[in-house]
PDB file of N, CA and C in Angstrom:
ATOM      1  N   MET A   1       0.845  -1.171   0.000  1.00  0.00           N
ATOM      2  CA  MET A   1       0.000   0.000   0.000  1.00  0.00           C
ATOM      3  C   MET A   1       0.897   1.243   0.000  1.00  0.00           C
ATOM      4  N   LEU A   2       0.594   2.190  -0.833  1.00  0.00           N
ATOM      5  CA  LEU A   2       1.441   3.375  -0.979  1.00  0.00           C
ATOM      6  C   LEU A   2       1.571   4.198   0.290  1.00  0.00           C
ATOM      7  N   THR A   3       0.591   4.188   1.149  1.00  0.00           N
ATOM      8  CA  THR A   3       0.656   5.005   2.350  1.00  0.00           C
ATOM      9  C   THR A   3       1.388   4.326   3.503  1.00  0.00           C
ATOM     10  N   ASP A   4       1.798   3.081   3.354  1.00  0.00           N
ATOM     11  CA  ASP A   4       2.531   2.350   4.382  1.00  0.00           C
ATOM     12  C   ASP A   4       3.980   2.835   4.401  1.00  0.00           C
ATOM     13  N   THR A   5       4.426   3.445   5.476  1.00  0.00           N
ATOM     14  CA  THR A   5       5.778   4.005   5.549  1.00  0.00           C
ATOM     15  C   THR A   5       6.856   2.935   5.688  1.00  0.00           C
ATOM     16  N   ARG A   6       6.481   1.685   5.913  1.00  0.00           N
ATOM     17  CA  ARG A   6       7.462   0.604   6.000  1.00  0.00           C
ATOM     18  C   ARG A   6       7.878   0.092   4.627  1.00  0.00           C
ATOM     19  N   VAL A   7       7.233   0.574   3.595  1.00  0.00           N
ATOM     20  CA  VAL A   7       7.439   0.057   2.247  1.00  0.00           C
ATOM     21  C   VAL A   7       7.880   1.186   1.316  1.00  0.00           C
ATOM     22  N   THR A   8       8.915   0.917   0.485  1.00  0.00           N
ATOM     23  CA  THR A   8       9.281   1.877  -0.554  1.00  0.00           C
ATOM     24  C   THR A   8       8.445   1.604  -1.796  1.00  0.00           C
ATOM     25  N   ALA A   9       8.392   2.568  -2.679  1.00  0.00           N
ATOM     26  CA  ALA A   9       7.689   2.406  -3.949  1.00  0.00           C
ATOM     27  C   ALA A   9       8.720   2.492  -5.063  1.00  0.00           C
ATOM     28  N   ASP A  10       8.874   1.417  -5.815  1.00  0.00           N
ATOM     29  CA  ASP A  10       9.801   1.370  -6.944  1.00  0.00           C
ATOM     30  C   ASP A  10       9.010   1.593  -8.222  1.00  0.00           C
ATOM     31  N   ILE A  11       9.533   2.437  -9.084  1.00  0.00           N
ATOM     32  CA  ILE A  11       8.835   2.710 -10.335  1.00  0.00           C
ATOM     33  C   ILE A  11       9.830   2.655 -11.487  1.00  0.00           C
ATOM     34  N   ILE A  12       9.452   1.937 -12.534  1.00  0.00           N
ATOM     35  CA  ILE A  12      10.246   1.874 -13.757  1.00  0.00           C
ATOM     36  C   ILE A  12       9.619   2.890 -14.703  1.00  0.00           C
ATOM     37  N   ALA A  13      10.293   4.008 -14.890  1.00  0.00           N
ATOM     38  CA  ALA A  13       9.713   5.133 -15.628  1.00  0.00           C
ATOM     39  C   ALA A  13       9.924   4.990 -17.129  1.00  0.00           C
ATOM     40  N   GLU A  14       9.380   3.939 -17.688  1.00  0.00           N
ATOM     41  CA  GLU A  14       9.446   3.705 -19.121  1.00  0.00           C
ATOM     42  C   GLU A  14       8.064   3.256 -19.595  1.00  0.00           C
ATOM     43  N   PRO A  15       7.630   3.734 -20.743  1.00  0.00           N
ATOM     44  CA  PRO A  15       6.271   3.437 -21.212  1.00  0.00           C
ATOM     45  C   PRO A  15       5.942   1.945 -21.292  1.00  0.00           C
ATOM     46  N   ALA A  16       6.923   1.100 -21.519  1.00  0.00           N
ATOM     47  CA  ALA A  16       6.634  -0.330 -21.614  1.00  0.00           C
ATOM     48  C   ALA A  16       6.196  -0.910 -20.268  1.00  0.00           C
ATOM     49  N   PHE A  17       6.551  -0.236 -19.166  1.00  0.00           N
ATOM     50  CA  PHE A  17       6.265  -0.774 -17.844  1.00  0.00           C
ATOM     51  C   PHE A  17       5.317   0.065 -17.008  1.00  0.00           C
ATOM     52  N   THR A  18       5.233   1.343 -17.270  1.00  0.00           N
ATOM     53  CA  THR A  18       4.541   2.276 -16.380  1.00  0.00           C
ATOM     54  C   THR A  18       3.735   3.283 -17.180  1.00  0.00           C
ATOM     55  N   TRP A  19       2.599   3.659 -16.652  1.00  0.00           N
ATOM     56  CA  TRP A  19       1.890   4.790 -17.225  1.00  0.00           C
ATOM     57  C   TRP A  19       2.630   6.033 -16.767  1.00  0.00           C
ATOM     58  N   ILE A  20       3.335   6.688 -17.694  1.00  0.00           N
ATOM     59  CA  ILE A  20       4.197   7.816 -17.367  1.00  0.00           C
ATOM     60  C   ILE A  20       3.444   8.901 -16.589  1.00  0.00           C
ATOM     61  N   ARG A  21       2.183   9.081 -16.864  1.00  0.00           N
ATOM     62  CA  ARG A  21       1.437  10.138 -16.166  1.00  0.00           C
ATOM     63  C   ARG A  21       1.323   9.867 -14.663  1.00  0.00           C
ATOM     64  N   HIS A  22       1.562   8.620 -14.246  1.00  0.00           N
ATOM     65  CA  HIS A  22       1.486   8.292 -12.827  1.00  0.00           C
ATOM     66  C   HIS A  22       2.811   8.477 -12.097  1.00  0.00           C
ATOM     67  N   CYS A  23       3.898   8.679 -12.819  1.00  0.00           N
ATOM     68  CA  CYS A  23       5.218   8.814 -12.192  1.00  0.00           C
ATOM     69  C   CYS A  23       5.281   9.914 -11.135  1.00  0.00           C
ATOM     70  N   PRO A  24       4.738  11.110 -11.379  1.00  0.00           N
ATOM     71  CA  PRO A  24       4.813  12.154 -10.348  1.00  0.00           C
ATOM     72  C   PRO A  24       4.032  11.804  -9.083  1.00  0.00           C
ATOM     73  N   LEU A  25       3.092  10.887  -9.167  1.00  0.00           N
ATOM     74  CA  LEU A  25       2.284  10.511  -8.013  1.00  0.00           C
ATOM     75  C   LEU A  25       3.115   9.822  -6.929  1.00  0.00           C
ATOM     76  N   VAL A  26       4.096   9.023  -7.313  1.00  0.00           N
ATOM     77  CA  VAL A  26       4.856   8.239  -6.346  1.00  0.00           C
ATOM     78  C   VAL A  26       5.582   9.110  -5.324  1.00  0.00           C
ATOM     79  N   PRO A  27       6.431  10.079  -5.734  1.00  0.00           N
ATOM     80  CA  PRO A  27       7.082  10.900  -4.701  1.00  0.00           C
ATOM     81  C   PRO A  27       6.105  11.780  -3.925  1.00  0.00           C
ATOM     82  N   GLU A  28       4.980  12.131  -4.527  1.00  0.00           N
ATOM     83  CA  GLU A  28       3.993  12.920  -3.801  1.00  0.00           C
ATOM     84  C   GLU A  28       3.392  12.113  -2.658  1.00  0.00           C
ATOM     85  N   VAL A  29       3.117  10.845  -2.911  1.00  0.00           N
ATOM     86  CA  VAL A  29       2.500   9.987  -1.901  1.00  0.00           C
ATOM     87  C   VAL A  29       3.537   9.434  -0.927  1.00  0.00           C
ATOM     88  N   LYS A  30       4.666   8.947  -1.446  1.00  0.00           N
ATOM     89  CA  LYS A  30       5.675   8.296  -0.610  1.00  0.00           C
ATOM     90  C   LYS A  30       6.711   9.257  -0.047  1.00  0.00           C
ATOM     91  N   GLY A  31       6.926  10.393  -0.696  1.00  0.00           N
ATOM     92  CA  GLY A  31       8.021  11.276  -0.322  1.00  0.00           C
ATOM     93  C   GLY A  31       9.288  10.829  -1.036  1.00  0.00           C
ATOM     94  N   LEU A  32      10.247  11.726  -1.161  1.00  0.00           N
ATOM     95  CA  LEU A  32      11.471  11.413  -1.901  1.00  0.00           C
ATOM     96  C   LEU A  32      12.300  10.328  -1.242  1.00  0.00           C
ATOM     97  N   GLU A  33      12.243  10.199   0.072  1.00  0.00           N
ATOM     98  CA  GLU A  33      13.046   9.197   0.776  1.00  0.00           C
ATOM     99  C   GLU A  33      12.566   7.774   0.524  1.00  0.00           C
ATOM    100  N   GLN A  34      11.320   7.589   0.106  1.00  0.00           N
ATOM    101  CA  GLN A  34      10.782   6.242  -0.089  1.00  0.00           C
ATOM    102  C   GLN A  34      10.354   5.972  -1.527  1.00  0.00           C
ATOM    103  N   ALA A  35      10.736   6.836  -2.449  1.00  0.00           N
ATOM    104  CA  ALA A  35      10.446   6.630  -3.864  1.00  0.00           C
ATOM    105  C   ALA A  35      11.738   6.230  -4.563  1.00  0.00           C
ATOM    106  N   VAL A  36      11.712   5.114  -5.281  1.00  0.00           N
ATOM    107  CA  VAL A  36      12.905   4.589  -5.946  1.00  0.00           C
ATOM    108  C   VAL A  36      12.651   4.547  -7.447  1.00  0.00           C
ATOM    109  N   LEU A  37      13.489   5.232  -8.224  1.00  0.00           N
ATOM    110  CA  LEU A  37      13.374   5.233  -9.666  1.00  0.00           C
ATOM    111  C   LEU A  37      14.308   4.176 -10.239  1.00  0.00           C
ATOM    112  N   ILE A  38      13.772   3.332 -11.097  1.00  0.00           N
ATOM    113  CA  ILE A  38      14.555   2.283 -11.737  1.00  0.00           C
ATOM    114  C   ILE A  38      14.623   2.587 -13.227  1.00  0.00           C
ATOM    115  N   THR A  39      15.801   2.471 -13.808  1.00  0.00           N
ATOM    116  CA  THR A  39      15.961   2.727 -15.233  1.00  0.00           C
ATOM    117  C   THR A  39      16.978   1.766 -15.816  1.00  0.00           C
ATOM    118  N   ASP A  40      16.874   1.519 -17.100  1.00  0.00           N
ATOM    119  CA  ASP A  40      17.914   0.735 -17.755  1.00  0.00           C
ATOM    120  C   ASP A  40      18.833   1.668 -18.548  1.00  0.00           C
ATOM    121  N   GLY A  41      18.702   2.975 -18.285  1.00  0.00           N
ATOM    122  CA  GLY A  41      19.589   3.948 -18.910  1.00  0.00           C
ATOM    123  C   GLY A  41      21.007   3.760 -18.392  1.00  0.00           C
ATOM    124  N   MET A  42      21.966   4.255 -19.130  1.00  0.00           N
ATOM    125  CA  MET A  42      23.369   4.162 -18.714  1.00  0.00           C
ATOM    126  C   MET A  42      23.991   5.540 -18.775  1.00  0.00           C
ATOM    127  N   ALA A  43      25.235   5.651 -18.368  1.00  0.00           N
ATOM    128  CA  ALA A  43      25.894   6.955 -18.285  1.00  0.00           C
ATOM    129  C   ALA A  43      25.908   7.690 -19.623  1.00  0.00           C
ATOM    130  N   ALA A  44      25.923   6.970 -20.738  1.00  0.00           N
ATOM    131  CA  ALA A  44      25.976   7.614 -22.054  1.00  0.00           C
ATOM    132  C   ALA A  44      24.604   8.086 -22.536  1.00  0.00           C
ATOM    133  N   THR A  45      23.542   7.775 -21.813  1.00  0.00           N
ATOM    134  CA  THR A  45      22.209   8.199 -22.216  1.00  0.00           C
ATOM    135  C   THR A  45      22.141   9.721 -22.283  1.00  0.00           C
ATOM    136  N   GLY A  46      21.702  10.240 -23.408  1.00  0.00           N
ATOM    137  CA  GLY A  46      21.572  11.680 -23.593  1.00  0.00           C
ATOM    138  C   GLY A  46      22.857  12.402 -23.947  1.00  0.00           C
ATOM    139  N   MET A  47      23.943  11.665 -24.081  1.00  0.00           N
ATOM    140  CA  MET A  47      25.229  12.287 -24.394  1.00  0.00           C
ATOM    141  C   MET A  47      25.364  12.488 -25.905  1.00  0.00           C
ATOM    142  N   PRO A  48      26.241  13.396 -26.315  1.00  0.00           N
ATOM    143  CA  PRO A  48      26.475  13.585 -27.746  1.00  0.00           C
ATOM    144  C   PRO A  48      27.197  12.373 -28.339  1.00  0.00           C
ATOM    145  N   ASP A  49      27.205  12.303 -29.661  1.00  0.00           N
ATOM    146  CA  ASP A  49      27.902  11.213 -30.341  1.00  0.00           C
ATOM    147  C   ASP A  49      29.329  11.082 -29.814  1.00  0.00           C
ATOM    148  N   GLY A  50      29.754   9.845 -29.646  1.00  0.00           N
ATOM    149  CA  GLY A  50      31.110   9.601 -29.162  1.00  0.00           C
ATOM    150  C   GLY A  50      31.209   8.224 -28.538  1.00  0.00           C
ATOM    151  N   ARG A  51      32.374   7.919 -27.999  1.00  0.00           N
ATOM    152  CA  ARG A  51      32.623   6.636 -27.344  1.00  0.00           C
ATOM    153  C   ARG A  51      32.646   6.847 -25.827  1.00  0.00           C
ATOM    154  N   TYR A  52      31.998   5.916 -25.118  1.00  0.00           N
ATOM    155  CA  TYR A  52      31.872   6.008 -23.672  1.00  0.00           C
ATOM    156  C   TYR A  52      32.117   4.641 -23.051  1.00  0.00           C
ATOM    157  N   ARG A  53      32.443   4.632 -21.760  1.00  0.00           N
ATOM    158  CA  ARG A  53      32.697   3.390 -21.037  1.00  0.00           C
ATOM    159  C   ARG A  53      31.426   2.925 -20.342  1.00  0.00           C
ATOM    160  N   LEU A  54      31.177   1.637 -20.398  1.00  0.00           N
ATOM    161  CA  LEU A  54      30.111   0.979 -19.648  1.00  0.00           C
ATOM    162  C   LEU A  54      30.783  -0.173 -18.925  1.00  0.00           C
ATOM    163  N   GLY A  55      31.264   0.098 -17.722  1.00  0.00           N
ATOM    164  CA  GLY A  55      32.073  -0.896 -17.023  1.00  0.00           C
ATOM    165  C   GLY A  55      33.312  -1.188 -17.856  1.00  0.00           C
ATOM    166  N   PRO A  56      33.574  -2.457 -18.170  1.00  0.00           N
ATOM    167  CA  PRO A  56      34.753  -2.800 -18.954  1.00  0.00           C
ATOM    168  C   PRO A  56      34.548  -2.647 -20.465  1.00  0.00           C
ATOM    169  N   LEU A  57      33.323  -2.295 -20.868  1.00  0.00           N
ATOM    170  CA  LEU A  57      32.998  -2.208 -22.293  1.00  0.00           C
ATOM    171  C   LEU A  57      33.074  -0.780 -22.797  1.00  0.00           C
ATOM    172  N   GLU A  58      33.316  -0.643 -24.074  1.00  0.00           N
ATOM    173  CA  GLU A  58      33.242   0.654 -24.732  1.00  0.00           C
ATOM    174  C   GLU A  58      31.984   0.637 -25.595  1.00  0.00           C
ATOM    175  N   VAL A  59      31.169   1.686 -25.463  1.00  0.00           N
ATOM    176  CA  VAL A  59      29.957   1.795 -26.282  1.00  0.00           C
ATOM    177  C   VAL A  59      30.061   3.045 -27.129  1.00  0.00           C
ATOM    178  N   GLU A  60      29.366   3.054 -28.238  1.00  0.00           N
ATOM    179  CA  GLU A  60      29.370   4.208 -29.127  1.00  0.00           C
ATOM    180  C   GLU A  60      27.963   4.760 -29.228  1.00  0.00           C
ATOM    181  N   VAL A  61      27.838   6.052 -28.999  1.00  0.00           N
ATOM    182  CA  VAL A  61      26.580   6.754 -29.196  1.00  0.00           C
ATOM    183  C   VAL A  61      26.648   7.402 -30.578  1.00  0.00           C
ATOM    184  N   LYS A  62      25.647   7.111 -31.384  1.00  0.00           N
ATOM    185  CA  LYS A  62      25.592   7.702 -32.725  1.00  0.00           C
ATOM    186  C   LYS A  62      24.143   8.023 -33.025  1.00  0.00           C
ATOM    187  N   ASP A  63      23.888   9.269 -33.385  1.00  0.00           N
ATOM    188  CA  ASP A  63      22.521   9.729 -33.689  1.00  0.00           C
ATOM    189  C   ASP A  63      21.574   9.440 -32.535  1.00  0.00           C
ATOM    190  N   ALA A  64      22.025   9.709 -31.313  1.00  0.00           N
ATOM    191  CA  ALA A  64      21.233   9.554 -30.085  1.00  0.00           C
ATOM    192  C   ALA A  64      20.865   8.110 -29.778  1.00  0.00           C
ATOM    193  N   ALA A  65      21.602   7.155 -30.301  1.00  0.00           N
ATOM    194  CA  ALA A  65      21.348   5.742 -29.998  1.00  0.00           C
ATOM    195  C   ALA A  65      22.653   5.075 -29.581  1.00  0.00           C
ATOM    196  N   VAL A  66      22.543   4.100 -28.715  1.00  0.00           N
ATOM    197  CA  VAL A  66      23.735   3.352 -28.257  1.00  0.00           C
ATOM    198  C   VAL A  66      23.746   2.020 -28.956  1.00  0.00           C
TER     199      VAL A  66
END
């Protein structure tokens, strides 16, 4: 239950998993200390074209895609 302070609320903020319009509701109900955002984004997300490190791997961002 969202109002139970013993429980955190985890949300995957991606359209395949979550209704995006509900994302702002979680921190409003749970507070920032109990709202957990989960993403499969990586450090190169949103970066300009170039090569970036993902742990031991090198990834290339080209045309906003990895």
